[in-house]
Amino acid sequence: MPAGYQLRVQHRIATGNLAITPDLVLEDERGRPLMVLDTKYKIPTQPAPEDIYQVAFYASNALGCGRAALIYPQPLQRPINQQYQQVHVRTLAFDLTADLEQAGQSLAGQLVS
C-alpha cells in the first residue's frame, strides 16, 4: 500500500444483533475507514444489485464511510463508478491473468486515486 494507507483484512464488525466481516477495509494512518472492499470470484458482465447493496451497507451502516468497491478477477465489460445514496461504489480488478505483482500494484494505485 502507498504510504499513509493500510488494509485491514476480514475485520469483524458488530452492528446490533448482526456481525459482518468485510473482506478488506482501506484505512488511513490513524485507522479511520476510508473504503470497504469486497472481493468477488465470479466474472459477470456487470455487478449484481445484491453485491452493490452489500458493499454499500458495509460502508455506510457498519463503518460510516462513503466509499466502497467490488473487486473482480478481471475487468468487467460494464463496470460501475457511481453514487448510491450516501456511498460511492465502483468496480475494480485484480487481474488474475496478469503478473500478480503488477496486478497488485495496479489495484493499490486504483484504491487511492
N, C-alpha and C. Protein backbone atom coordinates (compact mmCIF):
# COMPACT_ATOMS: atom_id res chain seq x y z
N MET A 1 0.84 -1.19 0.00
CA MET A 1 0.00 0.00 0.00
C MET A 1 0.88 1.25 0.00
N PRO A 2 0.41 2.29 -0.65
CA PRO A 2 1.15 3.56 -0.59
C PRO A 2 1.22 4.07 0.85
N ALA A 3 2.21 4.91 1.11
CA ALA A 3 2.38 5.48 2.45
C ALA A 3 1.10 6.19 2.89
N GLY A 4 0.77 6.02 4.16
CA GLY A 4 -0.42 6.68 4.72
C GLY A 4 -1.68 5.84 4.66
N TYR A 5 -1.59 4.64 4.07
CA TYR A 5 -2.76 3.77 3.95
C TYR A 5 -2.41 2.38 4.49
N GLN A 6 -3.43 1.70 4.97
CA GLN A 6 -3.27 0.32 5.39
C GLN A 6 -4.54 -0.45 5.07
N LEU A 7 -4.42 -1.76 4.94
CA LEU A 7 -5.57 -2.62 4.69
C LEU A 7 -5.83 -3.48 5.91
N ARG A 8 -7.07 -3.53 6.32
CA ARG A 8 -7.47 -4.44 7.38
C ARG A 8 -8.21 -5.59 6.70
N VAL A 9 -7.81 -6.81 6.99
CA VAL A 9 -8.36 -8.00 6.32
C VAL A 9 -9.34 -8.69 7.25
N GLN A 10 -10.52 -9.05 6.69
CA GLN A 10 -11.54 -9.80 7.43
C GLN A 10 -11.81 -9.18 8.80
N HIS A 11 -12.06 -7.89 8.81
CA HIS A 11 -12.33 -7.13 10.04
C HIS A 11 -13.77 -7.36 10.48
N ARG A 12 -13.97 -7.99 11.62
CA ARG A 12 -15.31 -8.31 12.13
C ARG A 12 -15.91 -7.08 12.80
N ILE A 13 -17.16 -6.75 12.43
CA ILE A 13 -17.84 -5.57 12.94
C ILE A 13 -19.20 -5.99 13.48
N ALA A 14 -19.49 -5.62 14.70
CA ALA A 14 -20.80 -5.90 15.30
C ALA A 14 -21.72 -4.71 15.03
N THR A 15 -22.88 -4.98 14.46
CA THR A 15 -23.89 -3.95 14.21
C THR A 15 -25.20 -4.45 14.79
N GLY A 16 -25.50 -4.05 16.01
CA GLY A 16 -26.70 -4.54 16.68
C GLY A 16 -26.57 -6.03 16.95
N ASN A 17 -27.54 -6.80 16.49
CA ASN A 17 -27.53 -8.25 16.67
C ASN A 17 -26.78 -8.98 15.57
N LEU A 18 -26.22 -8.25 14.65
CA LEU A 18 -25.58 -8.83 13.48
C LEU A 18 -24.09 -8.52 13.48
N ALA A 19 -23.29 -9.50 13.14
CA ALA A 19 -21.85 -9.28 12.96
C ALA A 19 -21.54 -9.49 11.49
N ILE A 20 -20.83 -8.54 10.89
CA ILE A 20 -20.44 -8.66 9.49
C ILE A 20 -18.91 -8.64 9.40
N THR A 21 -18.42 -9.19 8.30
CA THR A 21 -16.97 -9.26 8.11
C THR A 21 -16.63 -8.88 6.67
N PRO A 22 -16.39 -7.60 6.42
CA PRO A 22 -15.95 -7.21 5.08
C PRO A 22 -14.62 -7.87 4.74
N ASP A 23 -14.41 -8.16 3.46
CA ASP A 23 -13.15 -8.77 3.04
C ASP A 23 -11.96 -7.88 3.38
N LEU A 24 -12.06 -6.60 3.00
CA LEU A 24 -10.97 -5.65 3.22
C LEU A 24 -11.54 -4.28 3.58
N VAL A 25 -10.82 -3.55 4.42
CA VAL A 25 -11.16 -2.17 4.72
C VAL A 25 -9.90 -1.34 4.53
N LEU A 26 -9.96 -0.35 3.65
CA LEU A 26 -8.85 0.58 3.46
C LEU A 26 -8.96 1.64 4.53
N GLU A 27 -7.86 1.85 5.27
CA GLU A 27 -7.85 2.82 6.36
C GLU A 27 -6.72 3.82 6.16
N ASP A 28 -6.89 4.99 6.78
CA ASP A 28 -5.79 5.95 6.79
C ASP A 28 -4.83 5.57 7.90
N GLU A 29 -3.78 6.37 8.09
CA GLU A 29 -2.74 6.03 9.06
C GLU A 29 -3.25 6.05 10.50
N ARG A 30 -4.39 6.67 10.73
CA ARG A 30 -4.98 6.71 12.08
C ARG A 30 -5.97 5.57 12.32
N GLY A 31 -6.16 4.73 11.31
CA GLY A 31 -7.10 3.62 11.44
C GLY A 31 -8.53 3.96 11.11
N ARG A 32 -8.76 5.14 10.53
CA ARG A 32 -10.12 5.53 10.14
C ARG A 32 -10.47 4.86 8.81
N PRO A 33 -11.65 4.24 8.72
CA PRO A 33 -12.05 3.57 7.48
C PRO A 33 -12.30 4.58 6.36
N LEU A 34 -11.72 4.30 5.20
CA LEU A 34 -11.90 5.15 4.03
C LEU A 34 -12.74 4.47 2.96
N MET A 35 -12.61 3.13 2.85
CA MET A 35 -13.30 2.40 1.79
C MET A 35 -13.45 0.94 2.19
N VAL A 36 -14.61 0.38 1.88
CA VAL A 36 -14.86 -1.04 2.09
C VAL A 36 -14.65 -1.74 0.75
N LEU A 37 -13.95 -2.87 0.77
CA LEU A 37 -13.66 -3.62 -0.45
C LEU A 37 -14.18 -5.05 -0.29
N ASP A 38 -14.92 -5.49 -1.28
CA ASP A 38 -15.45 -6.85 -1.26
C ASP A 38 -14.96 -7.57 -2.50
N THR A 39 -14.31 -8.70 -2.30
CA THR A 39 -13.77 -9.47 -3.43
C THR A 39 -14.80 -10.43 -3.96
N LYS A 40 -14.85 -10.56 -5.27
CA LYS A 40 -15.75 -11.48 -5.94
C LYS A 40 -14.92 -12.40 -6.82
N TYR A 41 -15.37 -13.63 -6.92
CA TYR A 41 -14.61 -14.61 -7.71
C TYR A 41 -15.34 -15.00 -8.98
N LYS A 42 -16.43 -14.34 -9.24
CA LYS A 42 -17.17 -14.56 -10.48
C LYS A 42 -16.79 -13.45 -11.46
N ILE A 43 -17.11 -13.66 -12.72
CA ILE A 43 -16.82 -12.65 -13.73
C ILE A 43 -18.10 -12.36 -14.51
N PRO A 44 -18.98 -11.56 -13.94
CA PRO A 44 -20.22 -11.21 -14.65
C PRO A 44 -19.95 -10.09 -15.66
N THR A 45 -20.95 -9.76 -16.43
CA THR A 45 -20.85 -8.62 -17.33
C THR A 45 -20.85 -7.32 -16.53
N GLN A 46 -21.68 -7.30 -15.50
CA GLN A 46 -21.79 -6.14 -14.61
C GLN A 46 -22.07 -6.64 -13.20
N PRO A 47 -21.88 -5.80 -12.18
CA PRO A 47 -22.11 -6.25 -10.81
C PRO A 47 -23.59 -6.55 -10.56
N ALA A 48 -23.83 -7.54 -9.73
CA ALA A 48 -25.20 -7.87 -9.33
C ALA A 48 -25.70 -6.83 -8.33
N PRO A 49 -26.98 -6.46 -8.41
CA PRO A 49 -27.51 -5.48 -7.46
C PRO A 49 -27.27 -5.86 -6.00
N GLU A 50 -27.41 -7.15 -5.66
CA GLU A 50 -27.21 -7.56 -4.27
C GLU A 50 -25.77 -7.36 -3.81
N ASP A 51 -24.81 -7.46 -4.72
CA ASP A 51 -23.41 -7.20 -4.37
C ASP A 51 -23.20 -5.71 -4.09
N ILE A 52 -23.84 -4.88 -4.89
CA ILE A 52 -23.76 -3.42 -4.67
C ILE A 52 -24.39 -3.07 -3.33
N TYR A 53 -25.58 -3.61 -3.06
CA TYR A 53 -26.26 -3.33 -1.79
C TYR A 53 -25.41 -3.76 -0.61
N GLN A 54 -24.80 -4.93 -0.71
CA GLN A 54 -23.99 -5.46 0.39
C GLN A 54 -22.83 -4.54 0.72
N VAL A 55 -22.04 -4.19 -0.28
CA VAL A 55 -20.85 -3.38 -0.02
C VAL A 55 -21.24 -1.95 0.39
N ALA A 56 -22.34 -1.42 -0.14
CA ALA A 56 -22.82 -0.09 0.27
C ALA A 56 -23.29 -0.12 1.72
N PHE A 57 -23.96 -1.20 2.12
CA PHE A 57 -24.39 -1.34 3.52
C PHE A 57 -23.19 -1.39 4.45
N TYR A 58 -22.21 -2.20 4.10
CA TYR A 58 -20.99 -2.30 4.91
C TYR A 58 -20.38 -0.91 5.10
N ALA A 59 -20.27 -0.17 4.00
CA ALA A 59 -19.62 1.14 4.07
C ALA A 59 -20.41 2.13 4.90
N SER A 60 -21.69 2.30 4.59
CA SER A 60 -22.46 3.36 5.25
C SER A 60 -22.93 2.98 6.64
N ASN A 61 -23.51 1.82 6.80
CA ASN A 61 -24.12 1.46 8.08
C ASN A 61 -23.13 0.89 9.08
N ALA A 62 -22.20 0.08 8.63
CA ALA A 62 -21.29 -0.58 9.56
C ALA A 62 -20.05 0.25 9.87
N LEU A 63 -19.54 1.00 8.87
CA LEU A 63 -18.28 1.71 9.08
C LEU A 63 -18.38 3.22 8.97
N GLY A 64 -19.49 3.73 8.46
CA GLY A 64 -19.66 5.17 8.36
C GLY A 64 -18.72 5.83 7.38
N CYS A 65 -18.34 5.12 6.32
CA CYS A 65 -17.50 5.75 5.29
C CYS A 65 -18.30 5.82 3.99
N GLY A 66 -17.90 6.67 3.10
CA GLY A 66 -18.68 6.95 1.91
C GLY A 66 -18.17 6.33 0.63
N ARG A 67 -17.25 5.37 0.74
CA ARG A 67 -16.71 4.75 -0.48
C ARG A 67 -16.66 3.24 -0.33
N ALA A 68 -16.93 2.57 -1.45
CA ALA A 68 -16.90 1.10 -1.46
C ALA A 68 -16.51 0.64 -2.86
N ALA A 69 -15.94 -0.55 -2.92
CA ALA A 69 -15.55 -1.11 -4.22
C ALA A 69 -15.76 -2.62 -4.22
N LEU A 70 -16.13 -3.11 -5.38
CA LEU A 70 -16.22 -4.55 -5.64
C LEU A 70 -15.02 -4.90 -6.50
N ILE A 71 -14.25 -5.90 -6.08
CA ILE A 71 -13.03 -6.28 -6.79
C ILE A 71 -13.26 -7.62 -7.48
N TYR A 72 -13.05 -7.64 -8.79
CA TYR A 72 -13.25 -8.84 -9.61
C TYR A 72 -11.91 -9.35 -10.13
N PRO A 73 -11.86 -10.63 -10.55
CA PRO A 73 -10.59 -11.21 -11.01
C PRO A 73 -10.15 -10.73 -12.40
N GLN A 74 -10.97 -9.95 -13.05
CA GLN A 74 -10.59 -9.30 -14.30
C GLN A 74 -11.57 -8.15 -14.54
N PRO A 75 -11.21 -7.19 -15.38
CA PRO A 75 -12.10 -6.05 -15.62
C PRO A 75 -13.45 -6.51 -16.18
N LEU A 76 -14.51 -5.84 -15.75
CA LEU A 76 -15.85 -6.16 -16.22
C LEU A 76 -16.16 -5.45 -17.53
N GLN A 77 -17.05 -6.03 -18.31
CA GLN A 77 -17.48 -5.38 -19.55
C GLN A 77 -18.26 -4.11 -19.26
N ARG A 78 -19.02 -4.11 -18.17
CA ARG A 78 -19.83 -2.95 -17.79
C ARG A 78 -19.53 -2.58 -16.34
N PRO A 79 -18.39 -1.94 -16.10
CA PRO A 79 -18.03 -1.55 -14.74
C PRO A 79 -18.95 -0.42 -14.24
N ILE A 80 -18.95 -0.21 -12.94
CA ILE A 80 -19.71 0.91 -12.38
C ILE A 80 -18.76 1.84 -11.64
N ASN A 81 -19.18 3.08 -11.54
CA ASN A 81 -18.46 4.11 -10.81
C ASN A 81 -19.45 5.22 -10.55
N GLN A 82 -20.30 5.01 -9.53
CA GLN A 82 -21.38 5.96 -9.30
C GLN A 82 -21.82 6.01 -7.85
N GLN A 83 -22.59 7.02 -7.55
CA GLN A 83 -23.10 7.26 -6.21
C GLN A 83 -24.40 6.50 -6.02
N TYR A 84 -24.53 5.78 -4.90
CA TYR A 84 -25.76 5.13 -4.48
C TYR A 84 -26.11 5.71 -3.12
N GLN A 85 -27.02 6.66 -3.11
CA GLN A 85 -27.36 7.42 -1.91
C GLN A 85 -26.09 8.03 -1.32
N GLN A 86 -25.65 7.59 -0.14
CA GLN A 86 -24.51 8.24 0.51
C GLN A 86 -23.17 7.56 0.23
N VAL A 87 -23.16 6.53 -0.61
CA VAL A 87 -21.93 5.76 -0.84
C VAL A 87 -21.56 5.76 -2.32
N HIS A 88 -20.31 6.08 -2.59
CA HIS A 88 -19.79 6.00 -3.95
C HIS A 88 -19.25 4.57 -4.14
N VAL A 89 -19.81 3.84 -5.10
CA VAL A 89 -19.44 2.45 -5.35
C VAL A 89 -18.82 2.35 -6.74
N ARG A 90 -17.73 1.60 -6.81
CA ARG A 90 -17.11 1.36 -8.12
C ARG A 90 -16.59 -0.07 -8.18
N THR A 91 -16.31 -0.51 -9.40
CA THR A 91 -15.72 -1.83 -9.58
C THR A 91 -14.25 -1.65 -9.93
N LEU A 92 -13.45 -2.58 -9.42
CA LEU A 92 -12.01 -2.61 -9.69
C LEU A 92 -11.64 -4.03 -10.08
N ALA A 93 -10.43 -4.19 -10.58
CA ALA A 93 -9.98 -5.53 -10.97
C ALA A 93 -8.62 -5.84 -10.37
N PHE A 94 -8.48 -7.06 -9.89
CA PHE A 94 -7.19 -7.65 -9.57
C PHE A 94 -7.04 -8.74 -10.61
N ASP A 95 -6.43 -8.40 -11.73
CA ASP A 95 -6.40 -9.26 -12.91
C ASP A 95 -5.55 -10.50 -12.67
N LEU A 96 -6.22 -11.64 -12.48
CA LEU A 96 -5.52 -12.88 -12.22
C LEU A 96 -4.84 -13.47 -13.45
N THR A 97 -5.13 -12.91 -14.63
CA THR A 97 -4.46 -13.39 -15.84
C THR A 97 -3.14 -12.66 -16.08
N ALA A 98 -2.90 -11.60 -15.33
CA ALA A 98 -1.67 -10.81 -15.48
C ALA A 98 -0.64 -11.24 -14.44
N ASP A 99 0.53 -10.64 -14.49
CA ASP A 99 1.55 -10.84 -13.46
C ASP A 99 0.94 -10.38 -12.13
N LEU A 100 0.96 -11.23 -11.11
CA LEU A 100 0.27 -10.92 -9.86
C LEU A 100 0.86 -9.72 -9.13
N GLU A 101 2.16 -9.54 -9.19
CA GLU A 101 2.78 -8.36 -8.56
C GLU A 101 2.29 -7.09 -9.24
N GLN A 102 2.27 -7.09 -10.56
CA GLN A 102 1.79 -5.93 -11.30
C GLN A 102 0.30 -5.69 -11.06
N ALA A 103 -0.46 -6.78 -10.99
CA ALA A 103 -1.90 -6.65 -10.73
C ALA A 103 -2.14 -6.03 -9.36
N GLY A 104 -1.36 -6.43 -8.37
CA GLY A 104 -1.48 -5.87 -7.03
C GLY A 104 -1.10 -4.39 -6.99
N GLN A 105 -0.04 -4.03 -7.68
CA GLN A 105 0.37 -2.63 -7.74
C GLN A 105 -0.69 -1.78 -8.44
N SER A 106 -1.25 -2.32 -9.50
CA SER A 106 -2.30 -1.60 -10.22
C SER A 106 -3.53 -1.38 -9.34
N LEU A 107 -3.93 -2.41 -8.62
CA LEU A 107 -5.08 -2.29 -7.72
C LEU A 107 -4.80 -1.27 -6.62
N ALA A 108 -3.64 -1.33 -6.01
CA ALA A 108 -3.29 -0.38 -4.94
C ALA A 108 -3.36 1.05 -5.45
N GLY A 109 -2.89 1.28 -6.67
CA GLY A 109 -2.96 2.61 -7.25
C GLY A 109 -4.38 3.06 -7.48
N GLN A 110 -5.26 2.15 -7.88
CA GLN A 110 -6.66 2.49 -8.10
C GLN A 110 -7.38 2.83 -6.79
N LEU A 111 -6.98 2.18 -5.71
CA LEU A 111 -7.63 2.40 -4.43
C LEU A 111 -7.46 3.82 -3.92
N VAL A 112 -6.30 4.38 -4.13
CA VAL A 112 -6.01 5.70 -3.58
C VAL A 112 -6.20 6.83 -4.59
N SER A 113 -6.68 6.50 -5.78
CA SER A 113 -6.90 7.55 -6.79
C SER A 113 -8.31 8.10 -6.73
